[in-house]
PDB file of N, CA and C in Angstrom:
ATOM      1  N   MET A   1      19.242 -43.068 -17.243  1.00  0.00           N
ATOM      2  CA  MET A   1      20.326 -42.906 -18.180  1.00  0.00           C
ATOM      3  C   MET A   1      19.965 -43.672 -19.453  1.00  0.00           C
ATOM      4  N   ASN A   2      20.308 -43.084 -20.614  1.00  0.00           N
ATOM      5  CA  ASN A   2      20.127 -43.810 -21.865  1.00  0.00           C
ATOM      6  C   ASN A   2      21.228 -43.434 -22.843  1.00  0.00           C
ATOM      7  N   ALA A   3      21.392 -44.276 -23.863  1.00  0.00           N
ATOM      8  CA  ALA A   3      22.424 -44.061 -24.873  1.00  0.00           C
ATOM      9  C   ALA A   3      21.772 -43.930 -26.238  1.00  0.00           C
ATOM     10  N   LEU A   4      22.405 -43.150 -27.092  1.00  0.00           N
ATOM     11  CA  LEU A   4      21.912 -42.912 -28.441  1.00  0.00           C
ATOM     12  C   LEU A   4      23.075 -43.056 -29.409  1.00  0.00           C
ATOM     13  N   HIS A   5      22.913 -43.923 -30.406  1.00  0.00           N
ATOM     14  CA  HIS A   5      23.906 -44.094 -31.473  1.00  0.00           C
ATOM     15  C   HIS A   5      23.418 -43.253 -32.639  1.00  0.00           C
ATOM     16  N   TRP A   6      24.247 -42.331 -33.123  1.00  0.00           N
ATOM     17  CA  TRP A   6      23.796 -41.475 -34.212  1.00  0.00           C
ATOM     18  C   TRP A   6      24.799 -41.395 -35.353  1.00  0.00           C
ATOM     19  N   GLN A   7      24.273 -41.124 -36.551  1.00  0.00           N
ATOM     20  CA  GLN A   7      25.059 -40.907 -37.768  1.00  0.00           C
ATOM     21  C   GLN A   7      24.552 -39.617 -38.395  1.00  0.00           C
ATOM     22  N   THR A   8      25.475 -38.713 -38.738  1.00  0.00           N
ATOM     23  CA  THR A   8      25.080 -37.431 -39.302  1.00  0.00           C
ATOM     24  C   THR A   8      26.014 -37.070 -40.454  1.00  0.00           C
ATOM     25  N   PRO A   9      25.463 -36.619 -41.590  1.00  0.00           N
ATOM     26  CA  PRO A   9      26.305 -36.313 -42.747  1.00  0.00           C
ATOM     27  C   PRO A   9      27.118 -35.025 -42.595  1.00  0.00           C
ATOM     28  N   ALA A  10      28.230 -34.982 -43.320  1.00  0.00           N
ATOM     29  CA  ALA A  10      29.078 -33.787 -43.362  1.00  0.00           C
ATOM     30  C   ALA A  10      28.243 -32.575 -43.768  1.00  0.00           C
ATOM     31  N   GLY A  11      28.574 -31.429 -43.183  1.00  0.00           N
ATOM     32  CA  GLY A  11      27.880 -30.187 -43.507  1.00  0.00           C
ATOM     33  C   GLY A  11      26.691 -29.880 -42.627  1.00  0.00           C
ATOM     34  N   THR A  12      26.212 -30.862 -41.864  1.00  0.00           N
ATOM     35  CA  THR A  12      25.074 -30.637 -40.978  1.00  0.00           C
ATOM     36  C   THR A  12      25.492 -29.739 -39.822  1.00  0.00           C
ATOM     37  N   ILE A  13      24.660 -28.753 -39.512  1.00  0.00           N
ATOM     38  CA  ILE A  13      24.891 -27.869 -38.364  1.00  0.00           C
ATOM     39  C   ILE A  13      23.633 -27.915 -37.508  1.00  0.00           C
ATOM     40  N   SER A  14      23.786 -28.317 -36.261  1.00  0.00           N
ATOM     41  CA  SER A  14      22.631 -28.362 -35.358  1.00  0.00           C
ATOM     42  C   SER A  14      22.299 -26.945 -34.908  1.00  0.00           C
ATOM     43  N   PRO A  15      21.062 -26.711 -34.491  1.00  0.00           N
ATOM     44  CA  PRO A  15      20.766 -25.423 -33.864  1.00  0.00           C
ATOM     45  C   PRO A  15      21.466 -25.366 -32.504  1.00  0.00           C
ATOM     46  N   VAL A  16      21.749 -24.165 -32.034  1.00  0.00           N
ATOM     47  CA  VAL A  16      22.232 -24.023 -30.658  1.00  0.00           C
ATOM     48  C   VAL A  16      21.079 -24.462 -29.768  1.00  0.00           C
ATOM     49  N   HIS A  17      21.352 -25.350 -28.830  1.00  0.00           N
ATOM     50  CA  HIS A  17      20.291 -25.872 -27.974  1.00  0.00           C
ATOM     51  C   HIS A  17      20.867 -26.257 -26.613  1.00  0.00           C
ATOM     52  N   ASP A  18      19.990 -26.527 -25.689  1.00  0.00           N
ATOM     53  CA  ASP A  18      20.390 -27.053 -24.382  1.00  0.00           C
ATOM     54  C   ASP A  18      19.300 -27.993 -23.895  1.00  0.00           C
ATOM     55  N   HIS A  19      19.626 -28.755 -22.882  1.00  0.00           N
ATOM     56  CA  HIS A  19      18.670 -29.666 -22.252  1.00  0.00           C
ATOM     57  C   HIS A  19      19.136 -29.890 -20.820  1.00  0.00           C
ATOM     58  N   PRO A  20      18.235 -30.286 -19.936  1.00  0.00           N
ATOM     59  CA  PRO A  20      18.612 -30.430 -18.523  1.00  0.00           C
ATOM     60  C   PRO A  20      19.543 -31.608 -18.239  1.00  0.00           C
ATOM     61  N   GLU A  21      19.601 -32.587 -19.148  1.00  0.00           N
ATOM     62  CA  GLU A  21      20.411 -33.785 -18.910  1.00  0.00           C
ATOM     63  C   GLU A  21      21.884 -33.512 -19.220  1.00  0.00           C
ATOM     64  N   GLU A  22      22.777 -34.190 -18.473  1.00  0.00           N
ATOM     65  CA  GLU A  22      24.196 -34.196 -18.824  1.00  0.00           C
ATOM     66  C   GLU A  22      24.363 -35.089 -20.046  1.00  0.00           C
ATOM     67  N   GLN A  23      25.350 -34.776 -20.885  1.00  0.00           N
ATOM     68  CA  GLN A  23      25.577 -35.536 -22.116  1.00  0.00           C
ATOM     69  C   GLN A  23      27.064 -35.864 -22.232  1.00  0.00           C
ATOM     70  N   PHE A  24      27.361 -37.148 -22.399  1.00  0.00           N
ATOM     71  CA  PHE A  24      28.735 -37.607 -22.632  1.00  0.00           C
ATOM     72  C   PHE A  24      28.754 -38.279 -23.992  1.00  0.00           C
ATOM     73  N   GLY A  25      29.717 -37.932 -24.837  1.00  0.00           N
ATOM     74  CA  GLY A  25      29.775 -38.514 -26.169  1.00  0.00           C
ATOM     75  C   GLY A  25      31.128 -39.111 -26.490  1.00  0.00           C
ATOM     76  N   TYR A  26      31.111 -40.168 -27.309  1.00  0.00           N
ATOM     77  CA  TYR A  26      32.317 -40.818 -27.818  1.00  0.00           C
ATOM     78  C   TYR A  26      32.186 -40.909 -29.332  1.00  0.00           C
ATOM     79  N   ILE A  27      33.174 -40.392 -30.063  1.00  0.00           N
ATOM     80  CA  ILE A  27      33.119 -40.347 -31.517  1.00  0.00           C
ATOM     81  C   ILE A  27      33.719 -41.617 -32.101  1.00  0.00           C
ATOM     82  N   LEU A  28      32.921 -42.327 -32.877  1.00  0.00           N
ATOM     83  CA  LEU A  28      33.352 -43.577 -33.504  1.00  0.00           C
ATOM     84  C   LEU A  28      33.973 -43.355 -34.881  1.00  0.00           C
ATOM     85  N   LYS A  29      33.477 -42.350 -35.614  1.00  0.00           N
ATOM     86  CA  LYS A  29      33.934 -42.117 -36.990  1.00  0.00           C
ATOM     87  C   LYS A  29      33.734 -40.652 -37.340  1.00  0.00           C
ATOM     88  N   GLY A  30      34.636 -40.096 -38.147  1.00  0.00           N
ATOM     89  CA  GLY A  30      34.466 -38.748 -38.668  1.00  0.00           C
ATOM     90  C   GLY A  30      35.056 -37.679 -37.774  1.00  0.00           C
ATOM     91  N   SER A  31      34.620 -36.450 -38.024  1.00  0.00           N
ATOM     92  CA  SER A  31      35.068 -35.316 -37.213  1.00  0.00           C
ATOM     93  C   SER A  31      33.996 -34.236 -37.241  1.00  0.00           C
ATOM     94  N   PHE A  32      33.947 -33.461 -36.169  1.00  0.00           N
ATOM     95  CA  PHE A  32      33.023 -32.343 -36.097  1.00  0.00           C
ATOM     96  C   PHE A  32      33.523 -31.322 -35.101  1.00  0.00           C
ATOM     97  N   GLU A  33      33.011 -30.119 -35.262  1.00  0.00           N
ATOM     98  CA  GLU A  33      33.310 -29.039 -34.338  1.00  0.00           C
ATOM     99  C   GLU A  33      32.143 -28.960 -33.365  1.00  0.00           C
ATOM    100  N   VAL A  34      32.451 -28.888 -32.085  1.00  0.00           N
ATOM    101  CA  VAL A  34      31.407 -28.730 -31.084  1.00  0.00           C
ATOM    102  C   VAL A  34      31.681 -27.442 -30.314  1.00  0.00           C
ATOM    103  N   THR A  35      30.626 -26.664 -30.108  1.00  0.00           N
ATOM    104  CA  THR A  35      30.710 -25.475 -29.272  1.00  0.00           C
ATOM    105  C   THR A  35      29.891 -25.765 -28.023  1.00  0.00           C
ATOM    106  N   ILE A  36      30.550 -25.684 -26.865  1.00  0.00           N
ATOM    107  CA  ILE A  36      29.901 -25.929 -25.574  1.00  0.00           C
ATOM    108  C   ILE A  36      30.070 -24.657 -24.764  1.00  0.00           C
ATOM    109  N   GLY A  37      28.950 -23.956 -24.526  1.00  0.00           N
ATOM    110  CA  GLY A  37      29.060 -22.643 -23.900  1.00  0.00           C
ATOM    111  C   GLY A  37      29.817 -21.728 -24.850  1.00  0.00           C
ATOM    112  N   ASP A  38      30.940 -21.161 -24.387  1.00  0.00           N
ATOM    113  CA  ASP A  38      31.740 -20.288 -25.256  1.00  0.00           C
ATOM    114  C   ASP A  38      33.032 -20.955 -25.720  1.00  0.00           C
ATOM    115  N   LYS A  39      33.142 -22.286 -25.535  1.00  0.00           N
ATOM    116  CA  LYS A  39      34.348 -23.020 -25.931  1.00  0.00           C
ATOM    117  C   LYS A  39      34.069 -23.841 -27.188  1.00  0.00           C
ATOM    118  N   LYS A  40      34.919 -23.656 -28.214  1.00  0.00           N
ATOM    119  CA  LYS A  40      34.786 -24.379 -29.474  1.00  0.00           C
ATOM    120  C   LYS A  40      35.954 -25.352 -29.594  1.00  0.00           C
ATOM    121  N   GLU A  41      35.662 -26.584 -30.044  1.00  0.00           N
ATOM    122  CA  GLU A  41      36.707 -27.601 -30.155  1.00  0.00           C
ATOM    123  C   GLU A  41      36.447 -28.486 -31.375  1.00  0.00           C
ATOM    124  N   LEU A  42      37.524 -28.863 -32.067  1.00  0.00           N
ATOM    125  CA  LEU A  42      37.434 -29.797 -33.177  1.00  0.00           C
ATOM    126  C   LEU A  42      37.720 -31.190 -32.640  1.00  0.00           C
ATOM    127  N   LEU A  43      36.789 -32.117 -32.853  1.00  0.00           N
ATOM    128  CA  LEU A  43      36.916 -33.478 -32.340  1.00  0.00           C
ATOM    129  C   LEU A  43      36.922 -34.465 -33.492  1.00  0.00           C
ATOM    130  N   LYS A  44      37.584 -35.611 -33.280  1.00  0.00           N
ATOM    131  CA  LYS A  44      37.681 -36.648 -34.310  1.00  0.00           C
ATOM    132  C   LYS A  44      37.467 -38.013 -33.677  1.00  0.00           C
ATOM    133  N   ALA A  45      37.413 -39.043 -34.513  1.00  0.00           N
ATOM    134  CA  ALA A  45      37.208 -40.412 -34.029  1.00  0.00           C
ATOM    135  C   ALA A  45      38.171 -40.726 -32.892  1.00  0.00           C
ATOM    136  N   GLY A  46      37.628 -41.301 -31.811  1.00  0.00           N
ATOM    137  CA  GLY A  46      38.407 -41.637 -30.626  1.00  0.00           C
ATOM    138  C   GLY A  46      38.327 -40.592 -29.535  1.00  0.00           C
ATOM    139  N   ASP A  47      37.843 -39.382 -29.856  1.00  0.00           N
ATOM    140  CA  ASP A  47      37.710 -38.322 -28.854  1.00  0.00           C
ATOM    141  C   ASP A  47      36.387 -38.445 -28.103  1.00  0.00           C
ATOM    142  N   CYS A  48      36.340 -37.817 -26.931  1.00  0.00           N
ATOM    143  CA  CYS A  48      35.142 -37.763 -26.091  1.00  0.00           C
ATOM    144  C   CYS A  48      34.802 -36.307 -25.804  1.00  0.00           C
ATOM    145  N   TYR A  49      33.568 -36.072 -25.420  1.00  0.00           N
ATOM    146  CA  TYR A  49      33.158 -34.740 -24.982  1.00  0.00           C
ATOM    147  C   TYR A  49      32.129 -34.878 -23.869  1.00  0.00           C
ATOM    148  N   PHE A  50      32.021 -33.824 -23.056  1.00  0.00           N
ATOM    149  CA  PHE A  50      31.050 -33.783 -21.963  1.00  0.00           C
ATOM    150  C   PHE A  50      30.339 -32.444 -22.012  1.00  0.00           C
ATOM    151  N   ILE A  51      29.016 -32.490 -21.917  1.00  0.00           N
ATOM    152  CA  ILE A  51      28.203 -31.279 -21.916  1.00  0.00           C
ATOM    153  C   ILE A  51      27.360 -31.284 -20.642  1.00  0.00           C
ATOM    154  N   PRO A  52      27.618 -30.352 -19.719  1.00  0.00           N
ATOM    155  CA  PRO A  52      26.796 -30.281 -18.506  1.00  0.00           C
ATOM    156  C   PRO A  52      25.350 -29.925 -18.858  1.00  0.00           C
ATOM    157  N   GLY A  53      24.422 -30.374 -18.059  1.00  0.00           N
ATOM    158  CA  GLY A  53      23.023 -30.033 -18.263  1.00  0.00           C
ATOM    159  C   GLY A  53      22.820 -28.529 -18.250  1.00  0.00           C
ATOM    160  N   GLY A  54      21.944 -28.043 -19.124  1.00  0.00           N
ATOM    161  CA  GLY A  54      21.590 -26.633 -19.155  1.00  0.00           C
ATOM    162  C   GLY A  54      22.564 -25.731 -19.894  1.00  0.00           C
ATOM    163  N   VAL A  55      23.649 -26.279 -20.439  1.00  0.00           N
ATOM    164  CA  VAL A  55      24.647 -25.461 -21.139  1.00  0.00           C
ATOM    165  C   VAL A  55      24.348 -25.471 -22.646  1.00  0.00           C
ATOM    166  N   PRO A  56      24.224 -24.295 -23.274  1.00  0.00           N
ATOM    167  CA  PRO A  56      23.978 -24.247 -24.714  1.00  0.00           C
ATOM    168  C   PRO A  56      25.140 -24.878 -25.491  1.00  0.00           C
ATOM    169  N   HIS A  57      24.804 -25.603 -26.552  1.00  0.00           N
ATOM    170  CA  HIS A  57      25.831 -26.249 -27.366  1.00  0.00           C
ATOM    171  C   HIS A  57      25.337 -26.415 -28.798  1.00  0.00           C
ATOM    172  N   GLN A  58      26.319 -26.653 -29.705  1.00  0.00           N
ATOM    173  CA  GLN A  58      26.024 -26.783 -31.126  1.00  0.00           C
ATOM    174  C   GLN A  58      27.061 -27.699 -31.764  1.00  0.00           C
ATOM    175  N   PHE A  59      26.642 -28.456 -32.780  1.00  0.00           N
ATOM    176  CA  PHE A  59      27.523 -29.356 -33.520  1.00  0.00           C
ATOM    177  C   PHE A  59      27.581 -28.928 -34.986  1.00  0.00           C
ATOM    178  N   HIS A  60      28.775 -28.995 -35.577  1.00  0.00           N
ATOM    179  CA  HIS A  60      28.968 -28.729 -37.010  1.00  0.00           C
ATOM    180  C   HIS A  60      29.787 -29.883 -37.565  1.00  0.00           C
ATOM    181  N   MET A  61      29.155 -30.716 -38.390  1.00  0.00           N
ATOM    182  CA  MET A  61      29.820 -31.906 -38.922  1.00  0.00           C
ATOM    183  C   MET A  61      30.801 -31.523 -40.029  1.00  0.00           C
ATOM    184  N   ILE A  62      32.073 -31.840 -39.827  1.00  0.00           N
ATOM    185  CA  ILE A  62      33.110 -31.600 -40.826  1.00  0.00           C
ATOM    186  C   ILE A  62      33.129 -32.770 -41.817  1.00  0.00           C
ATOM    187  N   GLU A  63      32.996 -33.983 -41.299  1.00  0.00           N
ATOM    188  CA  GLU A  63      32.926 -35.205 -42.102  1.00  0.00           C
ATOM    189  C   GLU A  63      31.660 -35.956 -41.707  1.00  0.00           C
ATOM    190  N   ASP A  64      31.257 -36.935 -42.515  1.00  0.00           N
ATOM    191  CA  ASP A  64      30.201 -37.843 -42.068  1.00  0.00           C
ATOM    192  C   ASP A  64      30.657 -38.397 -40.723  1.00  0.00           C
ATOM    193  N   SER A  65      29.792 -38.350 -39.719  1.00  0.00           N
ATOM    194  CA  SER A  65      30.213 -38.715 -38.367  1.00  0.00           C
ATOM    195  C   SER A  65      29.261 -39.703 -37.718  1.00  0.00           C
ATOM    196  N   VAL A  66      29.833 -40.534 -36.852  1.00  0.00           N
ATOM    197  CA  VAL A  66      29.088 -41.516 -36.073  1.00  0.00           C
ATOM    198  C   VAL A  66      29.568 -41.393 -34.634  1.00  0.00           C
ATOM    199  N   ALA A  67      28.630 -41.366 -33.694  1.00  0.00           N
ATOM    200  CA  ALA A  67      29.001 -41.254 -32.282  1.00  0.00           C
ATOM    201  C   ALA A  67      27.952 -41.932 -31.411  1.00  0.00           C
ATOM    202  N   ILE A  68      28.316 -42.105 -30.158  1.00  0.00           N
ATOM    203  CA  ILE A  68      27.391 -42.592 -29.136  1.00  0.00           C
ATOM    204  C   ILE A  68      27.314 -41.518 -28.066  1.00  0.00           C
ATOM    205  N   ASP A  69      26.091 -41.098 -27.726  1.00  0.00           N
ATOM    206  CA  ASP A  69      25.863 -40.151 -26.641  1.00  0.00           C
ATOM    207  C   ASP A  69      25.166 -40.870 -25.498  1.00  0.00           C
ATOM    208  N   VAL A  70      25.583 -40.560 -24.288  1.00  0.00           N
ATOM    209  CA  VAL A  70      24.933 -41.077 -23.084  1.00  0.00           C
ATOM    210  C   VAL A  70      24.365 -39.876 -22.338  1.00  0.00           C
ATOM    211  N   PHE A  71      23.086 -39.949 -21.984  1.00  0.00           N
ATOM    212  CA  PHE A  71      22.402 -38.868 -21.284  1.00  0.00           C
ATOM    213  C   PHE A  71      22.028 -39.312 -19.876  1.00  0.00           C
ATOM    214  N   SER A  72      22.196 -38.405 -18.924  1.00  0.00           N
ATOM    215  CA  SER A  72      21.807 -38.694 -17.544  1.00  0.00           C
ATOM    216  C   SER A  72      21.204 -37.436 -16.934  1.00  0.00           C
ATOM    217  N   PRO A  73      19.983 -37.554 -16.376  1.00  0.00           N
ATOM    218  CA  PRO A  73      19.123 -38.733 -16.387  1.00  0.00           C
ATOM    219  C   PRO A  73      18.595 -39.002 -17.797  1.00  0.00           C
ATOM    220  N   LYS A  74      17.850 -40.100 -17.915  1.00  0.00           N
ATOM    221  CA  LYS A  74      17.293 -40.518 -19.204  1.00  0.00           C
ATOM    222  C   LYS A  74      16.507 -39.375 -19.831  1.00  0.00           C
ATOM    223  N   ARG A  75      16.650 -39.226 -21.134  1.00  0.00           N
ATOM    224  CA  ARG A  75      15.898 -38.187 -21.845  1.00  0.00           C
ATOM    225  C   ARG A  75      15.184 -38.790 -23.045  1.00  0.00           C
ATOM    226  N   PRO A  76      14.157 -38.103 -23.551  1.00  0.00           N
ATOM    227  CA  PRO A  76      13.495 -38.577 -24.765  1.00  0.00           C
ATOM    228  C   PRO A  76      14.496 -38.589 -25.920  1.00  0.00           C
ATOM    229  N   VAL A  77      14.309 -39.486 -26.866  1.00  0.00           N
ATOM    230  CA  VAL A  77      15.197 -39.567 -28.027  1.00  0.00           C
ATOM    231  C   VAL A  77      14.937 -38.349 -28.909  1.00  0.00           C
ATOM    232  N   PRO A  78      15.994 -37.539 -29.206  1.00  0.00           N
ATOM    233  CA  PRO A  78      15.798 -36.335 -30.022  1.00  0.00           C
ATOM    234  C   PRO A  78      15.617 -36.666 -31.501  1.00  0.00           C
ATOM    235  N   GLU A  79      15.121 -35.697 -32.252  1.00  0.00           N
ATOM    236  CA  GLU A  79      14.993 -35.832 -33.702  1.00  0.00           C
ATOM    237  C   GLU A  79      16.387 -35.870 -34.321  1.00  0.00           C
ATOM    238  N   PRO A  80      16.574 -36.605 -35.411  1.00  0.00           N
ATOM    239  CA  PRO A  80      17.880 -36.638 -36.091  1.00  0.00           C
ATOM    240  C   PRO A  80      18.293 -35.246 -36.573  1.00  0.00           C
ATOM    241  N   MET A  81      19.606 -34.962 -36.565  1.00  0.00           N
ATOM    242  CA  MET A  81      20.115 -33.668 -37.021  1.00  0.00           C
ATOM    243  C   MET A  81      20.213 -33.598 -38.534  1.00  0.00           C
ATOM    244  N   GLY A  82      20.443 -34.729 -39.206  1.00  0.00           N
ATOM    245  CA  GLY A  82      20.714 -34.674 -40.644  1.00  0.00           C
ATOM    246  C   GLY A  82      19.711 -35.416 -41.464  1.00  0.00           C
TER     247      GLY A  82
END
């Protein structure tokens, strides 16, 4: 298991992607839209999200955002989105 603290500017859109690890996130600042599978949700500071391993997902930053993601099992640190 590992954790990643990230900051991404408003307007950034990640590619649709997946990975074998489960991902749990907690938003510290800002807001973004996350699509997990076929479900889209707008999240803001204080919200959490969970992405099962192998499920396609995408992030669209509405505001400059800061979050912490926890991956299980441990995964390589990904390239920054913004």
